[in-house]
C-alpha atoms as a PDB file:
ATOM      1  CA  UNK A   1      54.875 123.909 157.739  1.00  0.00           C
ATOM      2  CA  UNK A   2      55.894 120.873 159.575  1.00  0.00           C
ATOM      3  CA  UNK A   3      56.097 117.321 158.037  1.00  0.00           C
ATOM      4  CA  UNK A   4      54.181 114.994 160.422  1.00  0.00           C
ATOM      5  CA  UNK A   5      55.855 111.963 159.068  1.00  0.00           C
ATOM      6  CA  UNK A   6      59.166 113.486 160.193  1.00  0.00           C
ATOM      7  CA  UNK A   7      57.964 114.173 163.726  1.00  0.00           C
ATOM      8  CA  UNK A   8      59.865 112.599 166.491  1.00  0.00           C
ATOM      9  CA  UNK A   9      62.517 111.134 163.966  1.00  0.00           C
ATOM     10  CA  UNK A  10      59.838 109.193 162.060  1.00  0.00           C
ATOM     11  CA  UNK A  11      58.219 107.649 165.001  1.00  0.00           C
ATOM     12  CA  UNK A  12      54.894 107.595 163.297  1.00  0.00           C
ATOM     13  CA  UNK A  13      56.035 105.602 160.458  1.00  0.00           C
ATOM     14  CA  UNK A  14      57.828 103.226 162.759  1.00  0.00           C
ATOM     15  CA  UNK A  15      54.715 102.731 165.098  1.00  0.00           C
ATOM     16  CA  UNK A  16      52.388 102.122 162.199  1.00  0.00           C
ATOM     17  CA  UNK A  17      54.886  99.689 160.435  1.00  0.00           C
ATOM     18  CA  UNK A  18      55.182  97.906 163.826  1.00  0.00           C
ATOM     19  CA  UNK A  19      51.318  97.502 164.040  1.00  0.00           C
ATOM     20  CA  UNK A  20      50.810  96.511 160.509  1.00  0.00           C
ATOM     21  CA  UNK A  21      53.140  93.555 161.261  1.00  0.00           C
ATOM     22  CA  UNK A  22      50.973  92.528 163.984  1.00  0.00           C
ATOM     23  CA  UNK A  23      47.824  92.793 161.821  1.00  0.00           C
ATOM     24  CA  UNK A  24      49.442  90.861 159.131  1.00  0.00           C
ATOM     25  CA  UNK A  25      50.448  88.129 161.483  1.00  0.00           C
ATOM     26  CA  UNK A  26      46.956  88.038 162.836  1.00  0.00           C
ATOM     27  CA  UNK A  27      45.274  87.739 159.346  1.00  0.00           C
ATOM     28  CA  UNK A  28      47.430  84.711 158.509  1.00  0.00           C
ATOM     29  CA  UNK A  29      46.714  82.999 161.528  1.00  0.00           C
ATOM     30  CA  UNK A  30      44.414  80.139 160.859  1.00  0.00           C
ATOM     31  CA  UNK A  31      43.187  80.244 164.526  1.00  0.00           C
ATOM     32  CA  UNK A  32      41.471  83.689 163.872  1.00  0.00           C
ATOM     33  CA  UNK A  33      38.222  84.570 162.153  1.00  0.00           C
ATOM     34  CA  UNK A  34      39.212  85.768 158.699  1.00  0.00           C
ATOM     35  CA  UNK A  35      36.113  87.820 158.366  1.00  0.00           C
ATOM     36  CA  UNK A  36      36.830  90.009 161.444  1.00  0.00           C
ATOM     37  CA  UNK A  37      38.096  93.427 160.894  1.00  0.00           C
ATOM     38  CA  UNK A  38      41.278  94.508 162.281  1.00  0.00           C
ATOM     39  CA  UNK A  39      42.200  98.166 162.870  1.00  0.00           C
ATOM     40  CA  UNK A  40      45.041 100.579 163.750  1.00  0.00           C
ATOM     41  CA  UNK A  41      44.280 103.774 165.547  1.00  0.00           C
ATOM     42  CA  UNK A  42      46.728 106.531 165.390  1.00  0.00           C
ATOM     43  CA  UNK A  43      46.426 109.280 168.214  1.00  0.00           C
ATOM     44  CA  UNK A  44      48.457 112.379 168.138  1.00  0.00           C
ATOM     45  CA  UNK A  45      48.198 114.483 171.455  1.00  0.00           C
ATOM     46  CA  UNK A  46      49.221 118.119 171.845  1.00  0.00           C
ATOM     47  CA  UNK A  47      49.671 119.556 175.319  1.00  0.00           C
ATOM     48  CA  UNK A  48      50.870 123.304 175.319  1.00  0.00           C
ATOM     49  CA  UNK A  49      52.273 125.077 178.145  1.00  0.00           C
ATOM     50  CA  UNK A  50      50.751 128.251 179.638  1.00  0.00           C
ATOM     51  CA  UNK A  51      52.814 130.468 177.492  1.00  0.00           C
ATOM     52  CA  UNK A  52      51.842 128.390 174.192  1.00  0.00           C
ATOM     53  CA  UNK A  53      55.453 128.499 173.276  1.00  0.00           C
ATOM     54  CA  UNK A  54      56.066 124.720 174.146  1.00  0.00           C
ATOM     55  CA  UNK A  55      54.107 121.597 173.265  1.00  0.00           C
ATOM     56  CA  UNK A  56      54.445 118.313 174.452  1.00  0.00           C
ATOM     57  CA  UNK A  57      53.452 115.962 171.705  1.00  0.00           C
ATOM     58  CA  UNK A  58      52.332 112.168 172.271  1.00  0.00           C
ATOM     59  CA  UNK A  59      51.968 109.667 169.515  1.00  0.00           C
ATOM     60  CA  UNK A  60      50.280 106.519 170.350  1.00  0.00           C
ATOM     61  CA  UNK A  61      49.005 103.641 168.146  1.00  0.00           C
ATOM     62  CA  UNK A  62      46.358 100.954 169.203  1.00  0.00           C
ATOM     63  CA  UNK A  63      45.684  97.827 167.276  1.00  0.00           C
ATOM     64  CA  UNK A  64      42.466  95.811 167.314  1.00  0.00           C
ATOM     65  CA  UNK A  65      43.124  92.219 166.371  1.00  0.00           C
ATOM     66  CA  UNK A  66      40.748  89.162 165.792  1.00  0.00           C
ATOM     67  CA  UNK A  67      40.725  87.006 168.589  1.00  0.00           C
ATOM     68  CA  UNK A  68      41.586  83.368 168.481  1.00  0.00           C
ATOM     69  CA  UNK A  69      38.549  81.022 167.769  1.00  0.00           C
ATOM     70  CA  UNK A  70      37.552  78.796 170.477  1.00  0.00           C
ATOM     71  CA  UNK A  71      38.033  75.049 170.217  1.00  0.00           C
ATOM     72  CA  UNK A  72      35.356  72.664 171.507  1.00  0.00           C
ATOM     73  CA  UNK A  73      35.450  69.167 172.882  1.00  0.00           C
ATOM     74  CA  UNK A  74      33.444  66.855 175.065  1.00  0.00           C
ATOM     75  CA  UNK A  75      34.553  65.761 178.498  1.00  0.00           C
ATOM     76  CA  UNK A  76      33.337  63.102 180.781  1.00  0.00           C
ATOM     77  CA  UNK A  77      33.476  63.722 184.326  1.00  0.00           C
ATOM     78  CA  UNK A  78      33.508  60.598 186.561  1.00  0.00           C
ATOM     79  CA  UNK A  79      34.312  59.471 190.202  1.00  0.00           C
ATOM     80  CA  UNK A  80      35.989  56.228 191.410  1.00  0.00           C
ATOM     81  CA  UNK A  81      34.813  54.461 194.766  1.00  0.00           C
ATOM     82  CA  UNK A  82      37.208  56.380 196.531  1.00  0.00           C
ATOM     83  CA  UNK A  83      35.954  59.610 195.519  1.00  0.00           C
ATOM     84  CA  UNK A  84      38.842  60.505 193.013  1.00  0.00           C
ATOM     85  CA  UNK A  85      37.607  62.743 190.197  1.00  0.00           C
ATOM     86  CA  UNK A  86      38.426  61.954 186.521  1.00  0.00           C
ATOM     87  CA  UNK A  87      38.111  63.873 183.447  1.00  0.00           C
ATOM     88  CA  UNK A  88      38.139  61.908 180.201  1.00  0.00           C
ATOM     89  CA  UNK A  89      38.066  63.499 176.731  1.00  0.00           C
ATOM     90  CA  UNK A  90      35.541  61.725 174.409  1.00  0.00           C
ATOM     91  CA  UNK A  91      37.129  61.064 170.931  1.00  0.00           C
ATOM     92  CA  UNK A  92      35.177  60.280 167.932  1.00  0.00           C
ATOM     93  CA  UNK A  93      36.282  57.066 166.456  1.00  0.00           C
ATOM     94  CA  UNK A  94      36.863  56.958 162.574  1.00  0.00           C
ATOM     95  CA  UNK A  95      34.745  54.403 160.598  1.00  0.00           C
ATOM     96  CA  UNK A  96      37.695  54.169 158.376  1.00  0.00           C
ATOM     97  CA  UNK A  97      40.359  53.683 160.837  1.00  0.00           C
ATOM     98  CA  UNK A  98      41.951  50.064 160.850  1.00  0.00           C
ATOM     99  CA  UNK A  99      43.526  50.472 164.120  1.00  0.00           C
ATOM    100  CA  UNK A 100      40.154  51.183 165.876  1.00  0.00           C
ATOM    101  CA  UNK A 101      41.684  53.792 168.357  1.00  0.00           C
ATOM    102  CA  UNK A 102      40.448  54.644 171.889  1.00  0.00           C
ATOM    103  CA  UNK A 103      37.156  56.385 172.096  1.00  0.00           C
ATOM    104  CA  UNK A 104      37.932  58.012 175.485  1.00  0.00           C
ATOM    105  CA  UNK A 105      41.166  59.681 176.413  1.00  0.00           C
ATOM    106  CA  UNK A 106      42.182  60.214 180.128  1.00  0.00           C
ATOM    107  CA  UNK A 107      43.330  63.779 180.505  1.00  0.00           C
ATOM    108  CA  UNK A 108      43.656  63.630 184.229  1.00  0.00           C
END
């Protein structure tokens, strides 16, 4: 009986370990949702020839990761007298800031 873990010189184990590394990096990434499920799907395909004495075997992995969470901000759109458009990001000023800081940041 064949040992599936030794198939293709251990390619299954190598592929699974590589995908597990991707999942681990995704889990510790603070920009992803910690509650989302991650998955590894292993697919083994077997395609025999007409004589059924030779089989092409394909090993594939697919990983489903949590996507990065979005970031939200407010942007003011304005136009000067000459028609030039400007985008300005609105920043919340801290009540405790001694420097005051700008409330609007020109991003264009």
